[in-house]
Amino acid sequence: MKFLGNIKAVLPIAIAAALAFGHQPASAQGLFDMLFGGGIRHNPQGEFPPPPKPRKIGPATPGAGGGGARISSPTYNTYRADKLVRVDFKSLLPAPPPATAQDAAFVPSVTSTAFRDAVAGLGDYELFAEPDIAKALIAYYSANPDFIWVSDNAPNSRAQDAVRVLGEAASYGLTPADYSVDIPAAATSATPEERTRELVRFEMALSARVLRYARDAQSGRVDPNRMTGYYDFPAKPFDLEGALKTLAHTQEVRTYLESRHPQNPEYQALRVELEALEASEENEIVVDPKLLLKPGESSPELPKLLTLIAR
């Protein structure tokens, strides 16, 4: 009976505690948990957020911004050199005489020189050069109306040195025909007018070819950037008018022209190798591969065969 009395004493206290804490889900909180603090509670902080939902990316619209543009790879091009143009000498030709004496009073007096008299022979002269060289010729001789390569009615020593250097272009891997110039003969039966016309044309032709040679020596005969988009070499500017001014005031034409070439040891080694290759080609004996020589027969190829056997 004492045991039942204890239950009757505790039961009201338990009911009062349950009413004080309110109703909790049976699965999470029980009477024992409320009275004695329950178990370990989990802190929601530090949990990873759910992964983002994938978005569908539609095809890029042509012309729209963003990263949808396609980039084409560099291509190989058909090499095209500068198209040659005819040098226009009209601005160098002397002005026509005034129609009347009254008009002559308004024309500035210009002292006649041998060069100004000679340029009349350029009226129908056809000289072709690169566009920038043609422009430089006219600009230089308009500002400096005088000969560079002619003295005393004949090509001077400066011209002779220039022609020799141009003729040696093959030793630098260049084609001499690209720089060839016809030299006026020293002895001629031409009239003074014909001789003057011949000399002034020689003057212009040599200046054009010297400029081509100097520019090719410095920048190269071929522009690699025109071959393919893979190349992007910076241009090497060359003052064409400045080159003519230098040549007009120096007797060291060979030194100047040869200094336009690269001066590093690697380039000099290439020149030595080129010379060796050219020498081997000159000494090479080529026999017709289709030669069939039977006993008693003769052939122009026989001396070559004998030379090869002797070696």
C-alpha atoms as a PDB file:
ATOM      1  CA  MET A   1       0.000   0.000   0.000  1.00  0.00           C
ATOM      2  CA  LYS A   2       3.020   2.241   0.591  1.00  0.00           C
ATOM      3  CA  PHE A   3       4.071   1.673  -3.086  1.00  0.00           C
ATOM      4  CA  LEU A   4       0.719   2.857  -4.376  1.00  0.00           C
ATOM      5  CA  GLY A   5       1.005   5.875  -2.173  1.00  0.00           C
ATOM      6  CA  ASN A   6       4.328   6.857  -3.816  1.00  0.00           C
ATOM      7  CA  ILE A   7       2.817   6.581  -7.312  1.00  0.00           C
ATOM      8  CA  LYS A   8      -0.060   8.780  -6.317  1.00  0.00           C
ATOM      9  CA  ALA A   9       2.458  11.376  -5.095  1.00  0.00           C
ATOM     10  CA  VAL A  10       4.670  11.402  -8.292  1.00  0.00           C
ATOM     11  CA  LEU A  11       1.881  11.226 -10.889  1.00  0.00           C
ATOM     12  CA  PRO A  12       0.512  14.755 -10.321  1.00  0.00           C
ATOM     13  CA  ILE A  13       4.042  16.184 -10.625  1.00  0.00           C
ATOM     14  CA  ALA A  14       4.658  14.421 -13.967  1.00  0.00           C
ATOM     15  CA  ILE A  15       1.333  15.582 -15.372  1.00  0.00           C
ATOM     16  CA  ALA A  16       2.096  19.170 -14.356  1.00  0.00           C
ATOM     17  CA  ALA A  17       5.529  19.044 -16.013  1.00  0.00           C
ATOM     18  CA  ALA A  18       4.031  17.720 -19.239  1.00  0.00           C
ATOM     19  CA  LEU A  19       1.515  20.528 -19.375  1.00  0.00           C
ATOM     20  CA  ALA A  20       4.215  23.134 -18.623  1.00  0.00           C
ATOM     21  CA  PHE A  21       6.505  22.079 -21.571  1.00  0.00           C
ATOM     22  CA  GLY A  22       3.655  21.687 -24.072  1.00  0.00           C
ATOM     23  CA  HIS A  23       3.123  18.976 -26.660  1.00  0.00           C
ATOM     24  CA  GLN A  24       6.205  17.707 -28.649  1.00  0.00           C
ATOM     25  CA  PRO A  25       6.314  15.070 -31.408  1.00  0.00           C
ATOM     26  CA  ALA A  26       6.637  11.638 -29.939  1.00  0.00           C
ATOM     27  CA  SER A  27       9.370  10.777 -32.419  1.00  0.00           C
ATOM     28  CA  ALA A  28      11.621  13.703 -31.381  1.00  0.00           C
ATOM     29  CA  GLN A  29      10.901  14.487 -27.738  1.00  0.00           C
ATOM     30  CA  GLY A  30       9.697  12.218 -24.956  1.00  0.00           C
ATOM     31  CA  LEU A  31       8.949  12.834 -21.388  1.00  0.00           C
ATOM     32  CA  PHE A  32      12.329  11.482 -20.391  1.00  0.00           C
ATOM     33  CA  ASP A  33      14.100  13.813 -22.827  1.00  0.00           C
ATOM     34  CA  MET A  34      12.290  16.875 -21.467  1.00  0.00           C
ATOM     35  CA  LEU A  35      13.150  16.010 -17.897  1.00  0.00           C
ATOM     36  CA  PHE A  36      16.832  15.054 -18.384  1.00  0.00           C
ATOM     37  CA  GLY A  37      17.983  17.115 -21.415  1.00  0.00           C
ATOM     38  CA  GLY A  38      17.738  14.462 -24.153  1.00  0.00           C
ATOM     39  CA  GLY A  39      20.580  13.313 -26.396  1.00  0.00           C
ATOM     40  CA  ILE A  40      22.975  15.078 -28.802  1.00  0.00           C
ATOM     41  CA  ARG A  41      21.467  17.825 -30.992  1.00  0.00           C
ATOM     42  CA  HIS A  42      22.808  18.404 -34.528  1.00  0.00           C
ATOM     43  CA  ASN A  43      23.804  21.908 -35.624  1.00  0.00           C
ATOM     44  CA  PRO A  44      22.659  22.545 -39.222  1.00  0.00           C
ATOM     45  CA  GLN A  45      25.589  24.952 -39.840  1.00  0.00           C
ATOM     46  CA  GLY A  46      28.431  23.726 -42.063  1.00  0.00           C
ATOM     47  CA  GLU A  47      26.350  21.462 -44.247  1.00  0.00           C
ATOM     48  CA  PHE A  48      26.958  21.670 -48.039  1.00  0.00           C
ATOM     49  CA  PRO A  49      24.265  23.430 -50.066  1.00  0.00           C
ATOM     50  CA  PRO A  50      22.449  21.392 -52.656  1.00  0.00           C
ATOM     51  CA  PRO A  51      24.039  21.399 -56.137  1.00  0.00           C
ATOM     52  CA  PRO A  52      22.687  24.013 -58.581  1.00  0.00           C
ATOM     53  CA  LYS A  53      20.263  22.899 -61.177  1.00  0.00           C
ATOM     54  CA  PRO A  54      21.851  22.581 -64.647  1.00  0.00           C
ATOM     55  CA  ARG A  55      20.870  25.219 -67.197  1.00  0.00           C
ATOM     56  CA  LYS A  56      20.337  24.475 -70.835  1.00  0.00           C
ATOM     57  CA  ILE A  57      22.615  26.531 -73.150  1.00  0.00           C
ATOM     58  CA  GLY A  58      21.123  27.206 -76.535  1.00  0.00           C
ATOM     59  CA  PRO A  59      23.111  27.608 -79.787  1.00  0.00           C
ATOM     60  CA  ALA A  60      24.894  30.945 -80.302  1.00  0.00           C
ATOM     61  CA  THR A  61      23.114  33.475 -82.458  1.00  0.00           C
ATOM     62  CA  PRO A  62      25.220  34.773 -85.394  1.00  0.00           C
ATOM     63  CA  GLY A  63      26.356  38.322 -84.727  1.00  0.00           C
ATOM     64  CA  ALA A  64      25.462  38.151 -81.051  1.00  0.00           C
ATOM     65  CA  GLY A  65      28.022  38.860 -78.342  1.00  0.00           C
ATOM     66  CA  GLY A  66      29.574  36.226 -76.150  1.00  0.00           C
ATOM     67  CA  GLY A  67      31.905  33.358 -76.808  1.00  0.00           C
ATOM     68  CA  GLY A  68      30.071  31.811 -79.720  1.00  0.00           C
ATOM     69  CA  ALA A  69      32.350  33.271 -82.446  1.00  0.00           C
ATOM     70  CA  ARG A  70      34.585  30.834 -84.323  1.00  0.00           C
ATOM     71  CA  ILE A  71      38.256  31.690 -84.833  1.00  0.00           C
ATOM     72  CA  SER A  72      39.815  30.429 -88.034  1.00  0.00           C
ATOM     73  CA  SER A  73      43.385  29.167 -88.043  1.00  0.00           C
ATOM     74  CA  PRO A  74      46.106  30.935 -90.081  1.00  0.00           C
ATOM     75  CA  THR A  75      46.254  29.998 -93.743  1.00  0.00           C
ATOM     76  CA  TYR A  76      48.954  29.714 -96.397  1.00  0.00           C
ATOM     77  CA  ASN A  77      48.808  32.317 -99.150  1.00  0.00           C
ATOM     78  CA  THR A  78      49.992  32.483-102.732  1.00  0.00           C
ATOM     79  CA  TYR A  79      52.946  34.853-102.595  1.00  0.00           C
ATOM     80  CA  ARG A  80      52.512  38.043-104.596  1.00  0.00           C
ATOM     81  CA  ALA A  81      55.289  40.588-104.926  1.00  0.00           C
ATOM     82  CA  ASP A  82      54.652  44.291-105.348  1.00  0.00           C
ATOM     83  CA  LYS A  83      53.321  45.100-108.791  1.00  0.00           C
ATOM     84  CA  LEU A  84      55.767  47.235-110.736  1.00  0.00           C
ATOM     85  CA  VAL A  85      54.567  50.622-111.937  1.00  0.00           C
ATOM     86  CA  ARG A  86      55.901  52.942-114.582  1.00  0.00           C
ATOM     87  CA  VAL A  87      57.823  55.859-113.140  1.00  0.00           C
ATOM     88  CA  ASP A  88      56.057  59.102-113.996  1.00  0.00           C
ATOM     89  CA  PHE A  89      58.728  61.662-114.940  1.00  0.00           C
ATOM     90  CA  LYS A  90      56.270  64.408-115.903  1.00  0.00           C
ATOM     91  CA  SER A  91      56.975  66.469-112.806  1.00  0.00           C
ATOM     92  CA  LEU A  92      60.701  66.485-113.645  1.00  0.00           C
ATOM     93  CA  LEU A  93      60.260  67.679-117.216  1.00  0.00           C
ATOM     94  CA  PRO A  94      61.002  71.360-117.848  1.00  0.00           C
ATOM     95  CA  ALA A  95      58.026  73.658-118.094  1.00  0.00           C
ATOM     96  CA  PRO A  96      57.062  74.754-121.620  1.00  0.00           C
ATOM     97  CA  PRO A  97      58.292  78.224-122.637  1.00  0.00           C
ATOM     98  CA  PRO A  98      55.848  81.122-122.163  1.00  0.00           C
ATOM     99  CA  ALA A  99      53.624  81.988-125.099  1.00  0.00           C
ATOM    100  CA  THR A 100      54.436  85.697-125.135  1.00  0.00           C
ATOM    101  CA  ALA A 101      57.077  88.021-123.783  1.00  0.00           C
ATOM    102  CA  GLN A 102      54.482  89.487-121.414  1.00  0.00           C
ATOM    103  CA  ASP A 103      53.909  86.055-119.872  1.00  0.00           C
ATOM    104  CA  ALA A 104      57.660  85.603-119.469  1.00  0.00           C
ATOM    105  CA  ALA A 105      57.785  88.537-117.081  1.00  0.00           C
ATOM    106  CA  PHE A 106      55.790  86.502-114.546  1.00  0.00           C
ATOM    107  CA  VAL A 107      57.921  83.329-114.823  1.00  0.00           C
ATOM    108  CA  PRO A 108      60.674  82.986-112.158  1.00  0.00           C
ATOM    109  CA  SER A 109      64.171  82.903-113.544  1.00  0.00           C
ATOM    110  CA  VAL A 110      65.787  79.471-113.104  1.00  0.00           C
ATOM    111  CA  THR A 111      69.424  78.880-113.962  1.00  0.00           C
ATOM    112  CA  SER A 112      69.661  76.091-116.530  1.00  0.00           C
ATOM    113  CA  THR A 113      71.824  73.126-115.547  1.00  0.00           C
ATOM    114  CA  ALA A 114      72.992  70.030-117.406  1.00  0.00           C
ATOM    115  CA  PHE A 115      70.553  67.881-115.477  1.00  0.00           C
ATOM    116  CA  ARG A 116      67.551  70.103-116.147  1.00  0.00           C
ATOM    117  CA  ASP A 117      68.407  70.072-119.817  1.00  0.00           C
ATOM    118  CA  ALA A 118      68.850  66.309-119.822  1.00  0.00           C
ATOM    119  CA  VAL A 119      65.517  65.395-118.180  1.00  0.00           C
ATOM    120  CA  ALA A 120      63.765  66.253-121.415  1.00  0.00           C
ATOM    121  CA  GLY A 121      64.964  62.851-122.606  1.00  0.00           C
ATOM    122  CA  LEU A 122      62.737  61.157-120.021  1.00  0.00           C
ATOM    123  CA  GLY A 123      59.484  62.118-121.718  1.00  0.00           C
ATOM    124  CA  ASP A 124      58.915  58.753-123.402  1.00  0.00           C
ATOM    125  CA  TYR A 125      61.185  56.657-121.177  1.00  0.00           C
ATOM    126  CA  GLU A 126      59.575  53.523-119.728  1.00  0.00           C
ATOM    127  CA  LEU A 127      61.162  52.619-116.404  1.00  0.00           C
ATOM    128  CA  PHE A 128      59.306  50.238-114.114  1.00  0.00           C
ATOM    129  CA  ALA A 129      59.923  49.997-110.383  1.00  0.00           C
ATOM    130  CA  GLU A 130      58.160  49.259-107.124  1.00  0.00           C
ATOM    131  CA  PRO A 131      55.611  51.963-106.178  1.00  0.00           C
ATOM    132  CA  ASP A 132      57.598  53.278-103.212  1.00  0.00           C
ATOM    133  CA  ILE A 133      60.834  53.356-105.211  1.00  0.00           C
ATOM    134  CA  ALA A 134      59.146  55.180-108.094  1.00  0.00           C
ATOM    135  CA  LYS A 135      57.820  57.747-105.631  1.00  0.00           C
ATOM    136  CA  ALA A 136      61.222  58.167-103.991  1.00  0.00           C
ATOM    137  CA  LEU A 137      62.925  58.761-107.355  1.00  0.00           C
ATOM    138  CA  ILE A 138      60.626  61.622-108.250  1.00  0.00           C
ATOM    139  CA  ALA A 139      60.781  63.121-104.762  1.00  0.00           C
ATOM    140  CA  TYR A 140      64.582  63.051-104.627  1.00  0.00           C
ATOM    141  CA  TYR A 141      65.317  64.409-108.102  1.00  0.00           C
ATOM    142  CA  SER A 142      62.654  67.090-107.727  1.00  0.00           C
ATOM    143  CA  ALA A 143      64.457  68.393-104.647  1.00  0.00           C
ATOM    144  CA  ASN A 144      67.976  67.586-105.920  1.00  0.00           C
ATOM    145  CA  PRO A 145      68.096  68.146-109.698  1.00  0.00           C
ATOM    146  CA  ASP A 146      71.589  66.818-110.319  1.00  0.00           C
ATOM    147  CA  PHE A 147      73.365  63.666-111.437  1.00  0.00           C
ATOM    148  CA  ILE A 148      74.622  61.064-108.978  1.00  0.00           C
ATOM    149  CA  TRP A 149      76.117  58.545-111.390  1.00  0.00           C
ATOM    150  CA  VAL A 150      77.239  60.743-114.309  1.00  0.00           C
ATOM    151  CA  SER A 151      80.166  63.134-114.524  1.00  0.00           C
ATOM    152  CA  ASP A 152      81.838  64.724-117.541  1.00  0.00           C
ATOM    153  CA  ASN A 153      79.370  63.177-119.955  1.00  0.00           C
ATOM    154  CA  ALA A 154      80.124  59.596-118.819  1.00  0.00           C
ATOM    155  CA  PRO A 155      79.368  57.202-115.946  1.00  0.00           C
ATOM    156  CA  ASN A 156      81.611  58.128-113.022  1.00  0.00           C
ATOM    157  CA  SER A 157      83.542  55.914-110.589  1.00  0.00           C
ATOM    158  CA  ARG A 158      80.602  55.928-108.212  1.00  0.00           C
ATOM    159  CA  ALA A 159      78.443  54.347-110.918  1.00  0.00           C
ATOM    160  CA  GLN A 160      81.091  51.751-111.738  1.00  0.00           C
ATOM    161  CA  ASP A 161      81.282  50.647-108.099  1.00  0.00           C
ATOM    162  CA  ALA A 162      77.503  50.419-107.878  1.00  0.00           C
ATOM    163  CA  VAL A 163      77.242  48.297-111.025  1.00  0.00           C
ATOM    164  CA  ARG A 164      79.915  45.911-109.723  1.00  0.00           C
ATOM    165  CA  VAL A 165      78.073  45.438-106.427  1.00  0.00           C
ATOM    166  CA  LEU A 166      74.801  44.787-108.239  1.00  0.00           C
ATOM    167  CA  GLY A 167      76.539  42.210-110.414  1.00  0.00           C
ATOM    168  CA  GLU A 168      77.698  40.347-107.287  1.00  0.00           C
ATOM    169  CA  ALA A 169      74.156  39.943-105.947  1.00  0.00           C
ATOM    170  CA  ALA A 170      74.319  36.153-106.359  1.00  0.00           C
ATOM    171  CA  SER A 171      76.918  35.916-103.585  1.00  0.00           C
ATOM    172  CA  TYR A 172      74.205  37.137-101.200  1.00  0.00           C
ATOM    173  CA  GLY A 173      71.556  34.752-102.472  1.00  0.00           C
ATOM    174  CA  LEU A 174      69.939  37.395-104.698  1.00  0.00           C
ATOM    175  CA  THR A 175      69.250  37.252-108.433  1.00  0.00           C
ATOM    176  CA  PRO A 176      71.566  39.584-110.398  1.00  0.00           C
ATOM    177  CA  ALA A 177      68.983  39.973-113.177  1.00  0.00           C
ATOM    178  CA  ASP A 178      66.734  41.848-110.735  1.00  0.00           C
ATOM    179  CA  TYR A 179      69.337  44.610-110.491  1.00  0.00           C
ATOM    180  CA  SER A 180      70.930  44.666-113.946  1.00  0.00           C
ATOM    181  CA  VAL A 181      71.507  48.004-115.663  1.00  0.00           C
ATOM    182  CA  ASP A 182      72.802  48.690-119.170  1.00  0.00           C
ATOM    183  CA  ILE A 183      75.929  50.847-118.981  1.00  0.00           C
ATOM    184  CA  PRO A 184      76.402  53.441-121.746  1.00  0.00           C
ATOM    185  CA  ALA A 185      79.452  52.799-123.871  1.00  0.00           C
ATOM    186  CA  ALA A 186      82.400  55.119-123.369  1.00  0.00           C
ATOM    187  CA  ALA A 187      83.032  55.580-127.090  1.00  0.00           C
ATOM    188  CA  THR A 188      79.966  56.281-129.161  1.00  0.00           C
ATOM    189  CA  SER A 189      78.993  57.948-132.399  1.00  0.00           C
ATOM    190  CA  ALA A 190      75.740  59.291-130.962  1.00  0.00           C
ATOM    191  CA  THR A 191      74.873  62.957-131.244  1.00  0.00           C
ATOM    192  CA  PRO A 192      75.131  65.134-128.112  1.00  0.00           C
ATOM    193  CA  GLU A 193      71.353  65.030-127.701  1.00  0.00           C
ATOM    194  CA  GLU A 194      71.289  61.239-127.983  1.00  0.00           C
ATOM    195  CA  ARG A 195      74.202  60.914-125.573  1.00  0.00           C
ATOM    196  CA  THR A 196      72.497  63.148-123.030  1.00  0.00           C
ATOM    197  CA  ARG A 197      69.266  61.172-123.300  1.00  0.00           C
ATOM    198  CA  GLU A 198      71.174  57.909-122.851  1.00  0.00           C
ATOM    199  CA  LEU A 199      72.972  59.186-119.762  1.00  0.00           C
ATOM    200  CA  VAL A 200      69.906  60.569-117.994  1.00  0.00           C
ATOM    201  CA  ARG A 201      68.066  57.299-118.539  1.00  0.00           C
ATOM    202  CA  PHE A 202      71.058  55.424-117.173  1.00  0.00           C
ATOM    203  CA  GLU A 203      70.959  57.732-114.154  1.00  0.00           C
ATOM    204  CA  MET A 204      67.339  56.906-113.363  1.00  0.00           C
ATOM    205  CA  ALA A 205      67.675  53.183-114.028  1.00  0.00           C
ATOM    206  CA  LEU A 206      70.743  52.823-111.815  1.00  0.00           C
ATOM    207  CA  SER A 207      69.125  54.793-108.983  1.00  0.00           C
ATOM    208  CA  ALA A 208      66.032  52.573-109.153  1.00  0.00           C
ATOM    209  CA  ARG A 209      68.055  49.352-109.102  1.00  0.00           C
ATOM    210  CA  VAL A 210      70.389  50.550-106.366  1.00  0.00           C
ATOM    211  CA  LEU A 211      67.390  51.385-104.180  1.00  0.00           C
ATOM    212  CA  ARG A 212      65.907  47.956-104.841  1.00  0.00           C
ATOM    213  CA  TYR A 213      69.195  46.282-103.952  1.00  0.00           C
ATOM    214  CA  ALA A 214      69.704  48.294-100.754  1.00  0.00           C
ATOM    215  CA  ARG A 215      66.160  47.646 -99.565  1.00  0.00           C
ATOM    216  CA  ASP A 216      66.352  43.917-100.358  1.00  0.00           C
ATOM    217  CA  ALA A 217      69.700  43.672 -98.583  1.00  0.00           C
ATOM    218  CA  GLN A 218      68.248  45.207 -95.436  1.00  0.00           C
ATOM    219  CA  SER A 219      64.694  43.822 -95.399  1.00  0.00           C
ATOM    220  CA  GLY A 220      64.926  40.756 -97.639  1.00  0.00           C
ATOM    221  CA  ARG A 221      63.737  40.116-101.174  1.00  0.00           C
ATOM    222  CA  VAL A 222      60.700  38.176 -99.913  1.00  0.00           C
ATOM    223  CA  ASP A 223      58.241  39.359 -97.258  1.00  0.00           C
ATOM    224  CA  PRO A 224      57.450  36.268 -95.134  1.00  0.00           C
ATOM    225  CA  ASN A 225      54.262  37.848 -93.770  1.00  0.00           C
ATOM    226  CA  ARG A 226      52.708  37.500 -97.223  1.00  0.00           C
ATOM    227  CA  MET A 227      53.238  33.733 -97.249  1.00  0.00           C
ATOM    228  CA  THR A 228      51.091  32.753 -94.295  1.00  0.00           C
ATOM    229  CA  GLY A 229      49.195  34.132 -91.351  1.00  0.00           C
ATOM    230  CA  TYR A 230      51.530  32.230 -89.038  1.00  0.00           C
ATOM    231  CA  TYR A 231      54.157  34.964 -89.538  1.00  0.00           C
ATOM    232  CA  ASP A 232      53.951  38.420 -88.030  1.00  0.00           C
ATOM    233  CA  PHE A 233      57.439  39.837 -88.440  1.00  0.00           C
ATOM    234  CA  PRO A 234      57.787  43.585 -87.889  1.00  0.00           C
ATOM    235  CA  ALA A 235      58.606  45.660 -90.958  1.00  0.00           C
ATOM    236  CA  LYS A 236      62.102  47.100 -91.356  1.00  0.00           C
ATOM    237  CA  PRO A 237      61.662  50.674 -92.547  1.00  0.00           C
ATOM    238  CA  PHE A 238      64.154  51.929 -95.110  1.00  0.00           C
ATOM    239  CA  ASP A 239      64.579  55.589 -96.042  1.00  0.00           C
ATOM    240  CA  LEU A 240      64.778  55.474 -99.842  1.00  0.00           C
ATOM    241  CA  GLU A 241      65.304  59.205-100.346  1.00  0.00           C
ATOM    242  CA  GLY A 242      67.868  59.227 -97.564  1.00  0.00           C
ATOM    243  CA  ALA A 243      69.772  56.443 -99.313  1.00  0.00           C
ATOM    244  CA  LEU A 244      70.055  58.497-102.512  1.00  0.00           C
ATOM    245  CA  LYS A 245      71.243  61.507-100.516  1.00  0.00           C
ATOM    246  CA  THR A 246      73.929  59.386 -98.884  1.00  0.00           C
ATOM    247  CA  LEU A 247      75.068  57.912-102.202  1.00  0.00           C
ATOM    248  CA  ALA A 248      75.219  61.372-103.773  1.00  0.00           C
ATOM    249  CA  HIS A 249      77.703  62.557-101.137  1.00  0.00           C
ATOM    250  CA  THR A 250      80.011  59.571-100.763  1.00  0.00           C
ATOM    251  CA  GLN A 251      82.585  57.769-102.841  1.00  0.00           C
ATOM    252  CA  GLU A 252      82.310  54.615-100.714  1.00  0.00           C
ATOM    253  CA  VAL A 253      79.376  53.174-102.632  1.00  0.00           C
ATOM    254  CA  ARG A 254      80.449  49.569-102.155  1.00  0.00           C
ATOM    255  CA  THR A 255      80.878  50.021 -98.420  1.00  0.00           C
ATOM    256  CA  TYR A 256      77.445  51.574 -98.086  1.00  0.00           C
ATOM    257  CA  LEU A 257      75.609  48.953-100.137  1.00  0.00           C
ATOM    258  CA  GLU A 258      77.340  45.997 -98.505  1.00  0.00           C
ATOM    259  CA  SER A 259      76.605  47.437 -95.062  1.00  0.00           C
ATOM    260  CA  ARG A 260      72.882  47.046 -95.768  1.00  0.00           C
ATOM    261  CA  HIS A 261      73.276  43.264 -95.459  1.00  0.00           C
ATOM    262  CA  PRO A 262      73.189  41.601 -92.011  1.00  0.00           C
ATOM    263  CA  GLN A 263      76.576  41.710 -90.323  1.00  0.00           C
ATOM    264  CA  ASN A 264      76.141  38.946 -87.734  1.00  0.00           C
ATOM    265  CA  PRO A 265      78.328  35.795 -87.750  1.00  0.00           C
ATOM    266  CA  GLU A 266      75.377  33.540 -88.601  1.00  0.00           C
ATOM    267  CA  TYR A 267      74.743  35.401 -91.850  1.00  0.00           C
ATOM    268  CA  GLN A 268      78.420  35.288 -92.765  1.00  0.00           C
ATOM    269  CA  ALA A 269      78.404  31.523 -92.181  1.00  0.00           C
ATOM    270  CA  LEU A 270      75.456  31.187 -94.552  1.00  0.00           C
ATOM    271  CA  ARG A 271      77.363  33.079 -97.231  1.00  0.00           C
ATOM    272  CA  VAL A 272      80.335  30.738 -96.861  1.00  0.00           C
ATOM    273  CA  GLU A 273      78.042  27.722 -97.190  1.00  0.00           C
ATOM    274  CA  LEU A 274      76.360  29.238-100.248  1.00  0.00           C
ATOM    275  CA  GLU A 275      79.739  29.751-101.884  1.00  0.00           C
ATOM    276  CA  ALA A 276      80.647  26.122-101.209  1.00  0.00           C
ATOM    277  CA  LEU A 277      77.382  24.889-102.717  1.00  0.00           C
ATOM    278  CA  GLU A 278      77.864  26.985-105.833  1.00  0.00           C
ATOM    279  CA  ALA A 279      81.396  25.653-106.235  1.00  0.00           C
ATOM    280  CA  SER A 280      80.161  22.061-105.942  1.00  0.00           C
ATOM    281  CA  GLU A 281      77.533  22.670-108.616  1.00  0.00           C
ATOM    282  CA  GLU A 282      80.155  24.071-110.975  1.00  0.00           C
ATOM    283  CA  ASN A 283      82.341  20.992-110.515  1.00  0.00           C
ATOM    284  CA  GLU A 284      79.468  18.549-110.742  1.00  0.00           C
ATOM    285  CA  ILE A 285      79.395  16.373-113.848  1.00  0.00           C
ATOM    286  CA  VAL A 286      75.911  15.310-114.862  1.00  0.00           C
ATOM    287  CA  VAL A 287      75.528  12.382-117.251  1.00  0.00           C
ATOM    288  CA  ASP A 288      72.290  11.710-119.066  1.00  0.00           C
ATOM    289  CA  PRO A 289      70.514   9.037-116.963  1.00  0.00           C
ATOM    290  CA  LYS A 290      69.001   7.528-120.131  1.00  0.00           C
ATOM    291  CA  LEU A 291      72.405   6.975-121.739  1.00  0.00           C
ATOM    292  CA  LEU A 292      72.792   3.507-123.278  1.00  0.00           C
ATOM    293  CA  LEU A 293      76.276   3.100-124.732  1.00  0.00           C
ATOM    294  CA  LYS A 294      77.096  -0.156-126.515  1.00  0.00           C
ATOM    295  CA  PRO A 295      80.545  -1.331-127.679  1.00  0.00           C
ATOM    296  CA  GLY A 296      81.659   0.512-130.784  1.00  0.00           C
ATOM    297  CA  GLU A 297      79.220   3.381-130.289  1.00  0.00           C
ATOM    298  CA  SER A 298      80.060   6.991-129.514  1.00  0.00           C
ATOM    299  CA  SER A 299      78.197   9.626-127.516  1.00  0.00           C
ATOM    300  CA  PRO A 300      78.719  13.239-126.387  1.00  0.00           C
ATOM    301  CA  GLU A 301      78.357  11.887-122.846  1.00  0.00           C
ATOM    302  CA  LEU A 302      81.484   9.734-123.213  1.00  0.00           C
ATOM    303  CA  PRO A 303      83.975  12.465-122.144  1.00  0.00           C
ATOM    304  CA  LYS A 304      81.926  12.999-118.989  1.00  0.00           C
ATOM    305  CA  LEU A 305      82.071   9.308-118.213  1.00  0.00           C
ATOM    306  CA  LEU A 306      85.838   9.252-118.702  1.00  0.00           C
ATOM    307  CA  THR A 307      86.214  12.242-116.378  1.00  0.00           C
ATOM    308  CA  LEU A 308      84.162  10.530-113.694  1.00  0.00           C
ATOM    309  CA  ILE A 309      86.230   7.354-114.075  1.00  0.00           C
ATOM    310  CA  ALA A 310      89.439   9.371-113.733  1.00  0.00           C
ATOM    311  CA  ARG A 311      88.202  10.812-110.456  1.00  0.00           C
END
